[in-house]
N, C-alpha and C. Protein backbone atom coordinates (compact mmCIF):
# COMPACT_ATOMS: atom_id res chain seq x y z
N MET A 1 86.44 99.15 105.49
CA MET A 1 85.62 100.26 105.88
C MET A 1 84.34 99.71 106.51
N PRO A 2 84.01 100.08 107.72
CA PRO A 2 82.81 99.55 108.35
C PRO A 2 81.55 100.06 107.68
N TYR A 3 80.54 99.23 107.70
CA TYR A 3 79.26 99.58 107.11
C TYR A 3 78.49 100.49 108.06
N GLU A 4 78.00 101.58 107.54
CA GLU A 4 77.18 102.49 108.33
C GLU A 4 75.90 102.75 107.56
N LYS A 5 74.78 102.28 108.08
CA LYS A 5 73.49 102.41 107.40
C LYS A 5 73.18 103.86 107.08
N GLU A 6 73.55 104.77 107.98
CA GLU A 6 73.20 106.17 107.79
C GLU A 6 74.23 106.94 106.96
N ALA A 7 75.30 106.29 106.54
CA ALA A 7 76.33 106.99 105.78
C ALA A 7 75.77 107.46 104.44
N SER A 8 76.20 108.63 104.03
CA SER A 8 75.77 109.19 102.76
C SER A 8 76.45 108.45 101.62
N ASN A 9 75.72 108.21 100.58
CA ASN A 9 76.29 107.57 99.40
C ASN A 9 76.84 108.65 98.47
N SER A 10 77.90 109.30 98.90
CA SER A 10 78.51 110.38 98.13
C SER A 10 79.58 109.83 97.20
N LEU A 11 79.98 110.64 96.23
CA LEU A 11 81.08 110.24 95.35
C LEU A 11 82.35 110.01 96.16
N GLU A 12 82.61 110.87 97.13
CA GLU A 12 83.80 110.70 97.96
C GLU A 12 83.78 109.35 98.67
N PHE A 13 82.64 109.00 99.23
CA PHE A 13 82.48 107.73 99.95
C PHE A 13 82.67 106.55 99.00
N TYR A 14 82.02 106.60 97.84
CA TYR A 14 82.15 105.52 96.86
C TYR A 14 83.58 105.41 96.33
N ASN A 15 84.21 106.54 96.07
CA ASN A 15 85.58 106.50 95.56
C ASN A 15 86.55 105.92 96.59
N LYS A 16 86.25 106.10 97.88
CA LYS A 16 87.06 105.47 98.92
C LYS A 16 86.91 103.95 98.85
N PHE A 17 85.69 103.47 98.61
CA PHE A 17 85.48 102.03 98.42
C PHE A 17 86.35 101.54 97.27
N LEU A 18 86.29 102.24 96.14
CA LEU A 18 87.05 101.83 94.97
C LEU A 18 88.55 101.81 95.27
N SER A 19 89.04 102.84 95.88
CA SER A 19 90.45 102.94 96.22
C SER A 19 90.88 101.83 97.19
N ASN A 20 90.05 101.58 98.19
CA ASN A 20 90.36 100.55 99.19
C ASN A 20 90.45 99.15 98.60
N VAL A 21 89.78 98.92 97.48
CA VAL A 21 89.82 97.59 96.87
C VAL A 21 90.75 97.54 95.65
N GLY A 22 91.57 98.58 95.50
CA GLY A 22 92.59 98.55 94.47
C GLY A 22 92.19 99.08 93.11
N GLU A 23 91.00 99.65 93.00
CA GLU A 23 90.59 100.23 91.72
C GLU A 23 91.34 101.54 91.54
N LYS A 24 91.97 101.69 90.39
CA LYS A 24 92.77 102.88 90.14
C LYS A 24 91.96 104.08 89.68
N LYS A 25 90.78 103.84 89.14
CA LYS A 25 89.95 104.93 88.61
C LYS A 25 88.83 105.28 89.59
N THR A 26 88.48 106.56 89.61
CA THR A 26 87.32 107.02 90.37
C THR A 26 86.06 106.79 89.54
N LEU A 27 84.91 106.94 90.16
CA LEU A 27 83.67 106.84 89.38
C LEU A 27 83.64 107.90 88.30
N GLN A 28 84.11 109.10 88.62
CA GLN A 28 84.14 110.16 87.61
C GLN A 28 85.00 109.75 86.41
N GLN A 29 86.15 109.16 86.65
CA GLN A 29 87.01 108.74 85.55
C GLN A 29 86.37 107.62 84.73
N LEU A 30 85.67 106.69 85.41
CA LEU A 30 84.96 105.64 84.68
C LEU A 30 83.87 106.24 83.80
N VAL A 31 83.12 107.20 84.34
CA VAL A 31 82.05 107.86 83.58
C VAL A 31 82.64 108.64 82.41
N GLU A 32 83.72 109.37 82.66
CA GLU A 32 84.33 110.17 81.59
C GLU A 32 84.81 109.31 80.43
N SER A 33 85.31 108.11 80.72
CA SER A 33 85.76 107.23 79.63
C SER A 33 84.57 106.77 78.79
N ILE A 34 83.41 106.58 79.42
CA ILE A 34 82.21 106.20 78.68
C ILE A 34 81.73 107.37 77.82
N ILE A 35 81.69 108.56 78.40
CA ILE A 35 81.25 109.75 77.66
C ILE A 35 82.17 109.99 76.47
N LYS A 36 83.46 109.80 76.67
CA LYS A 36 84.42 109.98 75.56
C LYS A 36 84.13 108.99 74.44
N ARG A 37 83.78 107.76 74.80
CA ARG A 37 83.53 106.71 73.81
C ARG A 37 82.17 106.84 73.14
N LYS A 38 81.12 107.20 73.94
CA LYS A 38 79.75 107.16 73.43
C LYS A 38 79.04 108.51 73.35
N GLY A 39 79.55 109.51 74.04
CA GLY A 39 78.89 110.81 74.07
C GLY A 39 77.96 110.98 75.26
N LYS A 40 77.45 109.86 75.80
CA LYS A 40 76.57 109.89 76.96
C LYS A 40 76.75 108.59 77.73
N ALA A 41 76.72 108.69 79.07
CA ALA A 41 76.87 107.52 79.93
C ALA A 41 75.56 107.22 80.64
N VAL A 42 75.23 105.95 80.77
CA VAL A 42 74.07 105.50 81.53
C VAL A 42 74.59 104.68 82.70
N VAL A 43 74.33 105.17 83.93
CA VAL A 43 74.87 104.49 85.12
C VAL A 43 73.73 104.06 86.05
N LEU A 44 73.94 102.93 86.71
CA LEU A 44 72.96 102.38 87.65
C LEU A 44 73.67 102.09 88.97
N ASP A 45 73.10 102.60 90.06
CA ASP A 45 73.59 102.33 91.41
C ASP A 45 72.58 101.41 92.08
N ILE A 46 73.01 100.18 92.37
CA ILE A 46 72.14 99.21 93.05
C ILE A 46 72.36 99.36 94.55
N GLY A 47 71.28 99.71 95.25
CA GLY A 47 71.38 100.05 96.67
C GLY A 47 71.82 101.49 96.81
N CYS A 48 71.18 102.37 96.04
CA CYS A 48 71.63 103.77 95.94
C CYS A 48 71.38 104.59 97.21
N GLY A 49 70.60 104.05 98.16
CA GLY A 49 70.36 104.80 99.39
C GLY A 49 69.79 106.17 99.10
N ASP A 50 70.47 107.21 99.58
CA ASP A 50 69.99 108.58 99.37
C ASP A 50 70.31 109.13 97.98
N ALA A 51 70.92 108.32 97.13
CA ALA A 51 71.26 108.68 95.74
C ALA A 51 72.23 109.85 95.66
N GLY A 52 72.98 110.07 96.72
CA GLY A 52 73.92 111.19 96.74
C GLY A 52 74.95 111.14 95.62
N ALA A 53 75.54 109.98 95.38
CA ALA A 53 76.55 109.86 94.32
C ALA A 53 75.93 110.11 92.95
N LEU A 54 74.72 109.60 92.75
CA LEU A 54 74.04 109.83 91.47
C LEU A 54 73.76 111.32 91.26
N ALA A 55 73.31 112.00 92.30
CA ALA A 55 73.03 113.44 92.21
C ALA A 55 74.31 114.21 91.88
N GLU A 56 75.41 113.81 92.50
CA GLU A 56 76.69 114.50 92.22
C GLU A 56 77.13 114.26 90.79
N LEU A 57 76.99 113.03 90.30
CA LEU A 57 77.34 112.74 88.91
C LEU A 57 76.48 113.56 87.95
N LYS A 58 75.20 113.66 88.24
CA LYS A 58 74.28 114.44 87.38
C LYS A 58 74.68 115.91 87.38
N LYS A 59 75.06 116.41 88.54
CA LYS A 59 75.48 117.82 88.64
C LYS A 59 76.74 118.08 87.83
N ILE A 60 77.67 117.14 87.85
CA ILE A 60 78.93 117.30 87.12
C ILE A 60 78.73 117.18 85.61
N TYR A 61 77.96 116.16 85.16
CA TYR A 61 77.90 115.83 83.74
C TYR A 61 76.62 116.24 83.03
N GLY A 62 75.61 116.67 83.77
CA GLY A 62 74.38 117.18 83.16
C GLY A 62 73.75 116.22 82.16
N ASP A 63 73.50 116.70 80.96
CA ASP A 63 72.83 115.91 79.92
C ASP A 63 73.71 114.79 79.35
N LYS A 64 74.97 114.77 79.71
CA LYS A 64 75.87 113.72 79.20
C LYS A 64 75.80 112.44 80.03
N ILE A 65 74.88 112.42 81.01
CA ILE A 65 74.74 111.23 81.84
C ILE A 65 73.28 111.00 82.18
N GLU A 66 72.89 109.74 82.19
CA GLU A 66 71.58 109.34 82.71
C GLU A 66 71.86 108.55 83.97
N VAL A 67 71.32 109.03 85.10
CA VAL A 67 71.56 108.36 86.38
C VAL A 67 70.33 107.57 86.79
N ARG A 68 70.58 106.33 87.20
CA ARG A 68 69.51 105.42 87.59
C ARG A 68 69.86 104.81 88.95
N GLY A 69 68.84 104.61 89.77
CA GLY A 69 69.07 104.01 91.06
C GLY A 69 67.98 103.01 91.41
N ILE A 70 68.35 102.05 92.25
CA ILE A 70 67.37 101.11 92.79
C ILE A 70 67.69 100.94 94.27
N ASP A 71 66.64 101.00 95.08
CA ASP A 71 66.80 100.85 96.52
C ASP A 71 65.49 100.35 97.11
N SER A 72 65.59 99.72 98.27
CA SER A 72 64.39 99.20 98.93
C SER A 72 63.58 100.30 99.60
N GLU A 73 64.16 101.49 99.75
CA GLU A 73 63.47 102.60 100.38
C GLU A 73 63.33 103.76 99.41
N ASP A 74 62.28 104.56 99.59
CA ASP A 74 62.08 105.74 98.76
C ASP A 74 63.18 106.76 98.99
N LEU A 75 63.41 107.59 97.97
CA LEU A 75 64.33 108.71 98.14
C LEU A 75 63.67 109.73 99.06
N ASP A 76 64.46 110.43 99.83
CA ASP A 76 63.97 111.44 100.76
C ASP A 76 63.48 112.65 99.96
N ALA A 77 62.18 112.87 99.99
CA ALA A 77 61.58 113.98 99.23
C ALA A 77 62.11 115.33 99.68
N ASP A 78 62.46 115.46 100.94
CA ASP A 78 62.97 116.73 101.45
C ASP A 78 64.31 117.11 100.83
N LYS A 79 65.10 116.13 100.45
CA LYS A 79 66.41 116.40 99.86
C LYS A 79 66.30 116.81 98.40
N LYS A 80 65.16 116.53 97.78
CA LYS A 80 64.91 116.90 96.39
C LYS A 80 66.01 116.39 95.44
N ILE A 81 66.49 115.20 95.71
CA ILE A 81 67.49 114.60 94.83
C ILE A 81 66.76 113.99 93.65
N LYS A 82 67.21 114.34 92.48
CA LYS A 82 66.58 113.86 91.25
C LYS A 82 67.47 112.82 90.58
N VAL A 83 66.86 111.71 90.25
CA VAL A 83 67.52 110.72 89.40
C VAL A 83 66.63 110.54 88.17
N ASP A 84 67.24 110.15 87.07
CA ASP A 84 66.46 109.99 85.84
C ASP A 84 65.52 108.81 85.92
N VAL A 85 65.97 107.71 86.54
CA VAL A 85 65.15 106.51 86.72
C VAL A 85 65.37 106.02 88.13
N PHE A 86 64.29 105.81 88.88
CA PHE A 86 64.40 105.24 90.22
C PHE A 86 63.42 104.08 90.34
N VAL A 87 63.94 102.95 90.82
CA VAL A 87 63.12 101.76 91.04
C VAL A 87 63.13 101.49 92.55
N LYS A 88 61.94 101.44 93.14
CA LYS A 88 61.84 101.13 94.56
C LYS A 88 61.52 99.65 94.72
N GLY A 89 62.32 98.97 95.54
CA GLY A 89 62.04 97.58 95.82
C GLY A 89 63.29 96.74 95.87
N ASP A 90 63.11 95.47 96.12
CA ASP A 90 64.19 94.50 96.17
C ASP A 90 64.65 94.22 94.75
N PHE A 91 65.92 94.47 94.47
CA PHE A 91 66.41 94.33 93.10
C PHE A 91 66.35 92.90 92.59
N LEU A 92 66.25 91.91 93.49
CA LEU A 92 66.08 90.53 93.05
C LEU A 92 64.71 90.31 92.43
N ASP A 93 63.71 91.03 92.94
CA ASP A 93 62.33 90.87 92.48
C ASP A 93 61.97 91.85 91.37
N LYS A 94 62.67 92.95 91.26
CA LYS A 94 62.34 93.99 90.28
C LYS A 94 63.14 93.79 89.00
N GLU A 95 62.59 94.33 87.93
CA GLU A 95 63.29 94.34 86.66
C GLU A 95 64.32 95.46 86.70
N LEU A 96 65.55 95.16 86.39
CA LEU A 96 66.58 96.20 86.37
C LEU A 96 66.46 97.02 85.09
N PRO A 97 66.72 98.33 85.18
CA PRO A 97 66.81 99.11 83.94
C PRO A 97 67.89 98.49 83.05
N GLN A 98 67.69 98.54 81.76
CA GLN A 98 68.57 97.86 80.81
C GLN A 98 69.52 98.83 80.11
N LYS A 99 70.50 98.25 79.41
CA LYS A 99 71.49 98.97 78.60
C LYS A 99 72.29 99.97 79.43
N ASN A 100 72.78 99.50 80.58
CA ASN A 100 73.61 100.32 81.46
C ASN A 100 75.06 100.24 81.01
N ASP A 101 75.70 101.40 80.94
CA ASP A 101 77.13 101.44 80.61
C ASP A 101 77.99 101.14 81.83
N LEU A 102 77.49 101.50 83.01
CA LEU A 102 78.22 101.27 84.25
C LEU A 102 77.21 100.96 85.35
N VAL A 103 77.43 99.84 86.04
CA VAL A 103 76.62 99.46 87.19
C VAL A 103 77.57 99.34 88.37
N PHE A 104 77.17 99.93 89.49
CA PHE A 104 77.99 99.76 90.69
C PHE A 104 77.11 99.50 91.90
N SER A 105 77.67 98.78 92.84
CA SER A 105 77.00 98.47 94.10
C SER A 105 78.08 98.21 95.13
N PHE A 106 77.98 98.91 96.26
CA PHE A 106 79.04 98.81 97.25
C PHE A 106 78.60 98.26 98.60
N ARG A 107 77.34 98.37 98.96
CA ARG A 107 76.99 98.03 100.33
C ARG A 107 75.69 97.24 100.45
N THR A 108 75.31 96.49 99.43
CA THR A 108 73.99 95.90 99.53
C THR A 108 73.83 94.46 99.03
N LEU A 109 74.67 94.00 98.14
CA LEU A 109 74.42 92.72 97.47
C LEU A 109 74.44 91.52 98.42
N HIS A 110 75.17 91.59 99.50
CA HIS A 110 75.21 90.48 100.47
C HIS A 110 73.88 90.30 101.18
N GLU A 111 73.04 91.33 101.17
CA GLU A 111 71.76 91.27 101.88
C GLU A 111 70.74 90.36 101.20
N SER A 112 70.92 90.11 99.92
CA SER A 112 69.90 89.33 99.22
C SER A 112 70.24 87.85 99.08
N GLY A 113 71.53 87.50 99.16
CA GLY A 113 71.88 86.12 98.86
C GLY A 113 71.64 85.87 97.38
N ASP A 114 71.57 84.63 96.96
CA ASP A 114 71.33 84.25 95.57
C ASP A 114 72.22 85.03 94.60
N THR A 115 73.51 84.97 94.89
CA THR A 115 74.50 85.74 94.13
C THR A 115 74.48 85.40 92.64
N GLU A 116 74.26 84.14 92.31
CA GLU A 116 74.24 83.76 90.90
C GLU A 116 73.14 84.49 90.15
N LYS A 117 71.95 84.57 90.72
CA LYS A 117 70.84 85.28 90.09
C LYS A 117 71.15 86.78 89.97
N ILE A 118 71.72 87.34 91.03
CA ILE A 118 72.06 88.77 91.03
C ILE A 118 73.04 89.09 89.91
N ILE A 119 74.12 88.34 89.85
CA ILE A 119 75.17 88.61 88.87
C ILE A 119 74.64 88.40 87.45
N ASP A 120 73.82 87.38 87.26
CA ASP A 120 73.20 87.14 85.95
C ASP A 120 72.34 88.33 85.54
N LYS A 121 71.50 88.82 86.46
CA LYS A 121 70.64 89.98 86.15
C LYS A 121 71.46 91.21 85.81
N ILE A 122 72.49 91.45 86.59
CA ILE A 122 73.33 92.62 86.34
C ILE A 122 74.04 92.48 85.00
N GLY A 123 74.60 91.30 84.73
CA GLY A 123 75.27 91.07 83.45
C GLY A 123 74.35 91.31 82.27
N LYS A 124 73.12 90.84 82.38
CA LYS A 124 72.15 91.03 81.29
C LYS A 124 71.70 92.48 81.15
N SER A 125 71.85 93.27 82.21
CA SER A 125 71.43 94.68 82.15
C SER A 125 72.48 95.58 81.51
N LEU A 126 73.67 95.04 81.27
CA LEU A 126 74.75 95.86 80.72
C LEU A 126 74.59 96.07 79.22
N ALA A 127 74.91 97.28 78.79
CA ALA A 127 75.00 97.58 77.37
C ALA A 127 76.26 96.90 76.82
N PRO A 128 76.35 96.71 75.50
CA PRO A 128 77.61 96.20 74.96
C PRO A 128 78.78 97.08 75.43
N LEU A 129 79.84 96.45 75.88
CA LEU A 129 81.02 97.08 76.47
C LEU A 129 80.75 97.72 77.84
N GLY A 130 79.57 97.45 78.38
CA GLY A 130 79.24 97.96 79.71
C GLY A 130 80.04 97.26 80.78
N LYS A 131 80.21 97.94 81.92
CA LYS A 131 80.99 97.41 83.03
C LYS A 131 80.18 97.46 84.31
N ALA A 132 80.48 96.52 85.20
CA ALA A 132 79.92 96.53 86.54
C ALA A 132 81.05 96.38 87.54
N VAL A 133 80.99 97.16 88.62
CA VAL A 133 81.94 97.06 89.72
C VAL A 133 81.10 96.82 90.97
N LEU A 134 81.23 95.61 91.52
CA LEU A 134 80.35 95.18 92.61
C LEU A 134 81.17 94.72 93.81
N LEU A 135 80.90 95.32 94.95
CA LEU A 135 81.54 94.90 96.19
C LEU A 135 80.55 93.99 96.90
N ILE A 136 80.99 92.76 97.20
CA ILE A 136 80.11 91.79 97.85
C ILE A 136 80.78 91.30 99.13
N ARG A 137 80.17 91.59 100.25
CA ARG A 137 80.67 91.08 101.53
C ARG A 137 80.21 89.64 101.66
N ILE A 138 81.10 88.76 102.10
CA ILE A 138 80.77 87.34 102.20
C ILE A 138 80.75 86.88 103.65
N ARG A 139 81.84 87.13 104.37
CA ARG A 139 81.93 86.71 105.77
C ARG A 139 82.43 87.85 106.64
N ASP A 140 82.00 87.85 107.90
CA ASP A 140 82.50 88.86 108.83
C ASP A 140 83.87 88.43 109.36
N GLU A 141 84.45 89.23 110.23
CA GLU A 141 85.80 88.94 110.73
C GLU A 141 85.89 87.66 111.55
N ASN A 142 84.74 87.12 111.97
CA ASN A 142 84.71 85.85 112.71
C ASN A 142 84.40 84.65 111.82
N GLY A 143 84.18 84.89 110.54
CA GLY A 143 83.91 83.80 109.61
C GLY A 143 82.45 83.51 109.36
N ALA A 144 81.55 84.24 110.04
CA ALA A 144 80.11 84.02 109.83
C ALA A 144 79.69 84.65 108.50
N LEU A 145 78.80 83.99 107.80
CA LEU A 145 78.29 84.53 106.54
C LEU A 145 77.54 85.83 106.79
N GLU A 146 77.75 86.82 105.91
CA GLU A 146 77.12 88.13 106.03
C GLU A 146 75.71 88.10 105.44
N GLY A 147 74.83 88.92 105.99
CA GLY A 147 73.49 89.10 105.43
C GLY A 147 72.81 87.79 105.14
N ASN A 148 72.39 87.61 103.89
CA ASN A 148 71.72 86.39 103.46
C ASN A 148 72.63 85.51 102.59
N MET A 149 73.93 85.72 102.70
CA MET A 149 74.86 84.91 101.94
C MET A 149 74.82 83.46 102.42
N GLN A 150 74.98 82.53 101.48
CA GLN A 150 75.02 81.10 101.78
C GLN A 150 76.34 80.55 101.23
N GLU A 151 76.69 79.37 101.64
CA GLU A 151 77.94 78.77 101.14
C GLU A 151 77.89 78.59 99.62
N GLU A 152 76.68 78.35 99.07
CA GLU A 152 76.53 78.21 97.62
C GLU A 152 76.91 79.51 96.91
N ASP A 153 76.62 80.65 97.53
CA ASP A 153 76.98 81.94 96.94
C ASP A 153 78.50 82.08 96.88
N GLU A 154 79.15 81.71 97.95
CA GLU A 154 80.61 81.77 98.00
C GLU A 154 81.22 80.84 96.95
N GLU A 155 80.67 79.63 96.81
CA GLU A 155 81.15 78.67 95.82
C GLU A 155 80.97 79.20 94.40
N PHE A 156 79.83 79.84 94.14
CA PHE A 156 79.57 80.42 92.82
C PHE A 156 80.61 81.49 92.49
N ILE A 157 80.92 82.33 93.45
CA ILE A 157 81.90 83.40 93.23
C ILE A 157 83.27 82.80 92.91
N VAL A 158 83.68 81.79 93.65
CA VAL A 158 84.97 81.15 93.41
C VAL A 158 85.00 80.50 92.02
N LYS A 159 83.93 79.80 91.65
CA LYS A 159 83.86 79.17 90.31
C LYS A 159 83.92 80.22 89.21
N SER A 160 83.20 81.33 89.39
CA SER A 160 83.19 82.40 88.39
C SER A 160 84.59 82.98 88.21
N ALA A 161 85.30 83.13 89.31
CA ALA A 161 86.66 83.66 89.24
C ALA A 161 87.56 82.72 88.44
N LYS A 162 87.39 81.43 88.65
CA LYS A 162 88.21 80.45 87.94
C LYS A 162 87.88 80.42 86.45
N LYS A 163 86.58 80.53 86.10
CA LYS A 163 86.17 80.48 84.70
C LYS A 163 86.52 81.77 83.98
N GLY A 164 86.40 82.91 84.68
CA GLY A 164 86.69 84.20 84.06
C GLY A 164 85.63 84.66 83.09
N LYS A 165 84.48 83.98 83.07
CA LYS A 165 83.42 84.30 82.11
C LYS A 165 82.08 83.99 82.74
N LEU A 166 81.11 84.82 82.40
CA LEU A 166 79.74 84.60 82.83
C LEU A 166 78.81 85.14 81.75
N GLY A 167 78.14 84.25 81.05
CA GLY A 167 77.28 84.68 79.94
C GLY A 167 78.08 85.43 78.90
N LYS A 168 77.64 86.67 78.60
CA LYS A 168 78.32 87.48 77.59
C LYS A 168 79.37 88.40 78.20
N SER A 169 79.73 88.17 79.45
CA SER A 169 80.66 89.05 80.14
C SER A 169 81.89 88.31 80.63
N SER A 170 83.00 89.05 80.64
CA SER A 170 84.19 88.53 81.31
C SER A 170 84.08 88.91 82.79
N VAL A 171 84.70 88.09 83.64
CA VAL A 171 84.61 88.29 85.09
C VAL A 171 86.02 88.36 85.66
N LYS A 172 86.24 89.37 86.48
CA LYS A 172 87.48 89.47 87.26
C LYS A 172 87.07 89.65 88.71
N ILE A 173 87.75 88.93 89.59
CA ILE A 173 87.40 89.00 91.00
C ILE A 173 88.67 89.22 91.81
N VAL A 174 88.59 90.18 92.73
CA VAL A 174 89.64 90.41 93.70
C VAL A 174 89.05 90.07 95.06
N ALA A 175 89.70 89.14 95.76
CA ALA A 175 89.17 88.69 97.05
C ALA A 175 89.94 89.33 98.20
N ALA A 176 89.21 89.58 99.29
CA ALA A 176 89.81 90.03 100.54
C ALA A 176 89.67 88.90 101.55
N PHE A 177 90.71 88.67 102.34
CA PHE A 177 90.71 87.59 103.31
C PHE A 177 90.79 88.13 104.73
N ASP A 178 90.44 87.27 105.68
CA ASP A 178 90.63 87.63 107.07
C ASP A 178 92.13 87.69 107.35
N GLU A 179 92.51 88.17 108.53
CA GLU A 179 93.93 88.34 108.86
C GLU A 179 94.73 87.05 108.78
N LYS A 180 94.13 85.91 109.12
CA LYS A 180 94.83 84.63 109.09
C LYS A 180 94.73 83.94 107.72
N ARG A 181 94.01 84.58 106.78
CA ARG A 181 93.79 84.04 105.44
C ARG A 181 93.09 82.69 105.47
N GLU A 182 92.14 82.56 106.37
CA GLU A 182 91.38 81.32 106.50
C GLU A 182 90.10 81.34 105.67
N PHE A 183 89.56 82.52 105.42
CA PHE A 183 88.32 82.60 104.65
C PHE A 183 88.22 83.95 103.94
N ILE A 184 87.38 83.97 102.92
CA ILE A 184 87.15 85.18 102.13
C ILE A 184 86.15 86.06 102.87
N THR A 185 86.51 87.31 103.12
CA THR A 185 85.59 88.23 103.78
C THR A 185 84.74 89.01 102.77
N GLY A 186 85.26 89.18 101.58
CA GLY A 186 84.51 89.89 100.55
C GLY A 186 85.24 89.85 99.23
N VAL A 187 84.54 90.27 98.19
CA VAL A 187 85.14 90.32 96.86
C VAL A 187 84.72 91.60 96.15
N VAL A 188 85.55 91.99 95.23
CA VAL A 188 85.17 92.99 94.24
C VAL A 188 85.03 92.20 92.96
N LEU A 189 83.85 92.20 92.43
CA LEU A 189 83.55 91.46 91.22
C LEU A 189 83.36 92.47 90.09
N LYS A 190 84.14 92.31 89.04
CA LYS A 190 84.06 93.22 87.90
C LYS A 190 83.57 92.43 86.69
N LEU A 191 82.51 92.91 86.10
CA LEU A 191 81.98 92.33 84.87
C LEU A 191 82.24 93.30 83.73
N GLU A 192 82.55 92.77 82.57
CA GLU A 192 82.65 93.59 81.38
C GLU A 192 81.98 92.83 80.24
N ARG A 193 80.92 93.44 79.72
CA ARG A 193 80.17 92.77 78.65
C ARG A 193 80.89 92.94 77.32
N HIS A 194 80.91 91.88 76.56
CA HIS A 194 81.53 91.93 75.24
C HIS A 194 80.62 92.70 74.27
N ALA A 195 81.22 93.19 73.21
CA ALA A 195 80.47 93.98 72.21
C ALA A 195 79.40 93.15 71.53
């Protein structure tokens, strides 16, 4: 799916990302499983953009969900989208909200580079049994590194996949390759924090 800066971050759009990378559950199904287990879900969208998906989740689940977002730009005041917690700024420099049951990011992590620091911060922000679903673009169709990605970031991702563990979390990675299978174009990195 091509990146469109102006695209709305809707549940439909995010669920297409999940489906395209082989995830069988929608965001709603992931949230519902947390609510069933805990009574309330705390979710964080890193690179939430217009916070459309968060607003939709809040509308569906009301008091049974706390929606949190972080983005480098302010939310559009005219849209009157409300999130429970919003952090403006570069997520590498800002403190992430803690004890998240679900963290997702689909279109932004490649922009910062320093993947090891990012994944460590996200892993530490998870509540016990919390999950993260992160889409990270690594190389474009010509093999050039995306955004601020470096070869060290790619190496870290490959090592993490082989180890299957990062801190207090298990790691699963699904890689996408170019048509000739010469290089990794992106990964879906899933973290699950142990109890």
